[in-house]
C-alpha cells in the first residue's frame, strides 16, 4: 500500500512540475507582478496537476493498485476467518459450560450442613 501511495504522490509531483514548467513560459516576466499573482497561479497549477495525475494513474498505476487491493482483500479475509474461529471456540466453551450446568442441576443442589 505504501508503494502505491508513494507512486501516486510521485505522479502528482511529476504532473505538477510539468504543468508549472509549461505555465512558467507564459507568466509575467516582471517579478513584482508575478509575486502578486503567484498564489493563484500555484493553486491553478495544483488543480490541473491533480486532475491530470488522477487520469494518468488509471492506466499507469493499474498493476500497483491491483496488488494493493489484493493485499487488503487477503488481510480482511484472514481477519474474518480468525474472528469466526474465535467465535467458534467461544461457542464450544459456552456449550461445555451449559453441559456442565445441566449435569450439575440434574444431580440436584449440593447440601450445606
C-alpha atoms as a PDB file:
ATOM      1  CA  UNK A   1       0.000   0.000   0.000  1.00  0.00           C
ATOM      2  CA  UNK A   2       2.888   2.325   0.770  1.00  0.00           C
ATOM      3  CA  UNK A   3       4.380   1.706  -2.662  1.00  0.00           C
ATOM      4  CA  UNK A   4       1.094   2.640  -4.340  1.00  0.00           C
ATOM      5  CA  UNK A   5       0.700   5.777  -2.205  1.00  0.00           C
ATOM      6  CA  UNK A   6       4.245   6.891  -2.967  1.00  0.00           C
ATOM      7  CA  UNK A   7       3.659   6.258  -6.669  1.00  0.00           C
ATOM      8  CA  UNK A   8       0.510   8.422  -6.549  1.00  0.00           C
ATOM      9  CA  UNK A   9       2.376  11.231  -4.809  1.00  0.00           C
ATOM     10  CA  UNK A  10       5.269  10.925  -7.250  1.00  0.00           C
ATOM     11  CA  UNK A  11       2.913  11.059 -10.217  1.00  0.00           C
ATOM     12  CA  UNK A  12       1.262  14.177  -8.806  1.00  0.00           C
ATOM     13  CA  UNK A  13       4.633  15.865  -8.265  1.00  0.00           C
ATOM     14  CA  UNK A  14       5.732  14.971 -11.790  1.00  0.00           C
ATOM     15  CA  UNK A  15       2.499  16.343 -13.245  1.00  0.00           C
ATOM     16  CA  UNK A  16       2.828  19.499 -11.146  1.00  0.00           C
ATOM     17  CA  UNK A  17       6.397  20.071 -12.338  1.00  0.00           C
ATOM     18  CA  UNK A  18       5.377  19.601 -15.974  1.00  0.00           C
ATOM     19  CA  UNK A  19       2.398  21.941 -15.605  1.00  0.00           C
ATOM     20  CA  UNK A  20       4.490  24.508 -13.746  1.00  0.00           C
ATOM     21  CA  UNK A  21       7.303  24.370 -16.341  1.00  0.00           C
ATOM     22  CA  UNK A  22       4.844  24.879 -19.188  1.00  0.00           C
ATOM     23  CA  UNK A  23       2.998  27.541 -17.198  1.00  0.00           C
ATOM     24  CA  UNK A  24       6.197  29.497 -16.430  1.00  0.00           C
ATOM     25  CA  UNK A  25       6.764  30.174 -20.116  1.00  0.00           C
ATOM     26  CA  UNK A  26       3.573  32.200 -20.285  1.00  0.00           C
ATOM     27  CA  UNK A  27       3.869  34.021 -16.963  1.00  0.00           C
ATOM     28  CA  UNK A  28       4.633  37.672 -16.451  1.00  0.00           C
ATOM     29  CA  UNK A  29       8.354  38.477 -16.776  1.00  0.00           C
ATOM     30  CA  UNK A  30       8.059  41.261 -14.161  1.00  0.00           C
ATOM     31  CA  UNK A  31       8.881  39.672 -10.757  1.00  0.00           C
ATOM     32  CA  UNK A  32       6.758  42.178  -8.810  1.00  0.00           C
ATOM     33  CA  UNK A  33       3.583  41.364 -10.701  1.00  0.00           C
ATOM     34  CA  UNK A  34       4.439  37.668 -10.674  1.00  0.00           C
ATOM     35  CA  UNK A  35       4.668  37.591  -6.864  1.00  0.00           C
ATOM     36  CA  UNK A  36       1.197  39.174  -6.571  1.00  0.00           C
ATOM     37  CA  UNK A  37      -0.408  36.502  -8.742  1.00  0.00           C
ATOM     38  CA  UNK A  38       1.823  33.587  -7.662  1.00  0.00           C
ATOM     39  CA  UNK A  39      -0.581  32.022  -5.085  1.00  0.00           C
ATOM     40  CA  UNK A  40      -3.369  31.971  -7.661  1.00  0.00           C
ATOM     41  CA  UNK A  41      -1.028  30.526 -10.274  1.00  0.00           C
ATOM     42  CA  UNK A  42       0.146  27.783  -7.903  1.00  0.00           C
ATOM     43  CA  UNK A  43      -3.429  26.854  -6.979  1.00  0.00           C
ATOM     44  CA  UNK A  44      -4.463  26.585 -10.612  1.00  0.00           C
ATOM     45  CA  UNK A  45      -1.345  24.545 -11.420  1.00  0.00           C
ATOM     46  CA  UNK A  46      -2.072  22.207  -8.496  1.00  0.00           C
ATOM     47  CA  UNK A  47      -5.656  21.634  -9.634  1.00  0.00           C
ATOM     48  CA  UNK A  48      -4.528  20.874 -13.179  1.00  0.00           C
ATOM     49  CA  UNK A  49      -1.797  18.558 -11.859  1.00  0.00           C
ATOM     50  CA  UNK A  50      -4.249  16.768  -9.558  1.00  0.00           C
ATOM     51  CA  UNK A  51      -6.750  16.127 -12.326  1.00  0.00           C
ATOM     52  CA  UNK A  52      -4.087  15.019 -14.783  1.00  0.00           C
ATOM     53  CA  UNK A  53      -2.416  12.719 -12.241  1.00  0.00           C
ATOM     54  CA  UNK A  54      -5.788  11.121 -11.418  1.00  0.00           C
ATOM     55  CA  UNK A  55      -6.411  10.415 -15.087  1.00  0.00           C
ATOM     56  CA  UNK A  56      -2.897   9.117 -15.685  1.00  0.00           C
ATOM     57  CA  UNK A  57      -2.979   6.907 -12.588  1.00  0.00           C
ATOM     58  CA  UNK A  58      -5.874   4.939 -14.066  1.00  0.00           C
ATOM     59  CA  UNK A  59      -3.501   3.494 -16.655  1.00  0.00           C
ATOM     60  CA  UNK A  60      -0.033   3.925 -15.204  1.00  0.00           C
ATOM     61  CA  UNK A  61      -0.683   2.538 -11.723  1.00  0.00           C
ATOM     62  CA  UNK A  62      -3.100  -0.256 -12.606  1.00  0.00           C
ATOM     63  CA  UNK A  63      -0.720  -3.030 -11.524  1.00  0.00           C
ATOM     64  CA  UNK A  64       0.196  -1.403  -8.210  1.00  0.00           C
ATOM     65  CA  UNK A  65      -3.463  -0.693  -7.464  1.00  0.00           C
ATOM     66  CA  UNK A  66      -4.424  -4.317  -8.155  1.00  0.00           C
ATOM     67  CA  UNK A  67      -1.600  -5.612  -5.947  1.00  0.00           C
ATOM     68  CA  UNK A  68      -2.565  -3.279  -3.095  1.00  0.00           C
ATOM     69  CA  UNK A  69      -6.204  -4.294  -3.432  1.00  0.00           C
ATOM     70  CA  UNK A  70      -5.295  -7.981  -3.341  1.00  0.00           C
ATOM     71  CA  UNK A  71      -3.216  -7.472  -0.181  1.00  0.00           C
ATOM     72  CA  UNK A  72      -6.049  -5.608   1.537  1.00  0.00           C
ATOM     73  CA  UNK A  73      -8.548  -8.271   0.498  1.00  0.00           C
ATOM     74  CA  UNK A  74      -6.281 -11.024   1.848  1.00  0.00           C
ATOM     75  CA  UNK A  75      -5.895  -9.230   5.198  1.00  0.00           C
ATOM     76  CA  UNK A  76      -9.650  -8.702   5.542  1.00  0.00           C
ATOM     77  CA  UNK A  77     -10.375 -12.336   4.659  1.00  0.00           C
ATOM     78  CA  UNK A  78      -7.769 -13.529   7.168  1.00  0.00           C
ATOM     79  CA  UNK A  79      -9.225 -11.300   9.897  1.00  0.00           C
ATOM     80  CA  UNK A  80     -12.739 -12.551   9.232  1.00  0.00           C
ATOM     81  CA  UNK A  81     -11.567 -16.158   9.366  1.00  0.00           C
ATOM     82  CA  UNK A  82      -9.772 -15.558  12.670  1.00  0.00           C
ATOM     83  CA  UNK A  83     -12.857 -13.860  14.103  1.00  0.00           C
ATOM     84  CA  UNK A  84     -15.055 -16.778  13.017  1.00  0.00           C
ATOM     85  CA  UNK A  85     -12.612 -19.254  14.592  1.00  0.00           C
ATOM     86  CA  UNK A  86     -12.635 -17.295  17.871  1.00  0.00           C
ATOM     87  CA  UNK A  87     -16.427 -17.214  17.868  1.00  0.00           C
ATOM     88  CA  UNK A  88     -16.490 -20.951  17.218  1.00  0.00           C
ATOM     89  CA  UNK A  89     -14.131 -21.541  20.171  1.00  0.00           C
ATOM     90  CA  UNK A  90     -16.257 -19.309  22.387  1.00  0.00           C
ATOM     91  CA  UNK A  91     -19.351 -21.185  21.254  1.00  0.00           C
ATOM     92  CA  UNK A  92     -17.720 -24.514  22.154  1.00  0.00           C
ATOM     93  CA  UNK A  93     -16.731 -23.146  25.582  1.00  0.00           C
ATOM     94  CA  UNK A  94     -20.275 -21.947  26.226  1.00  0.00           C
ATOM     95  CA  UNK A  95     -21.684 -25.314  25.111  1.00  0.00           C
ATOM     96  CA  UNK A  96     -19.312 -27.093  27.511  1.00  0.00           C
ATOM     97  CA  UNK A  97     -20.367 -24.774  30.346  1.00  0.00           C
ATOM     98  CA  UNK A  98     -24.032 -25.368  29.525  1.00  0.00           C
ATOM     99  CA  UNK A  99     -23.412 -29.119  29.566  1.00  0.00           C
ATOM    100  CA  UNK A 100     -21.695 -28.839  32.951  1.00  0.00           C
ATOM    101  CA  UNK A 101     -24.570 -26.736  34.303  1.00  0.00           C
ATOM    102  CA  UNK A 102     -27.089 -29.255  33.012  1.00  0.00           C
ATOM    103  CA  UNK A 103     -25.153 -32.137  34.547  1.00  0.00           C
ATOM    104  CA  UNK A 104     -24.839 -30.281  37.836  1.00  0.00           C
ATOM    105  CA  UNK A 105     -28.532 -29.421  38.016  1.00  0.00           C
ATOM    106  CA  UNK A 106     -29.664 -32.995  37.321  1.00  0.00           C
ATOM    107  CA  UNK A 107     -27.893 -34.302  40.426  1.00  0.00           C
ATOM    108  CA  UNK A 108     -29.523 -31.630  42.483  1.00  0.00           C
ATOM    109  CA  UNK A 109     -28.069 -28.866  44.529  1.00  0.00           C
ATOM    110  CA  UNK A 110     -25.299 -29.708  46.905  1.00  0.00           C
ATOM    111  CA  UNK A 111     -26.253 -29.657  50.589  1.00  0.00           C
ATOM    112  CA  UNK A 112     -24.530 -27.454  53.026  1.00  0.00           C
ATOM    113  CA  UNK A 113     -24.884 -28.686  56.580  1.00  0.00           C
END
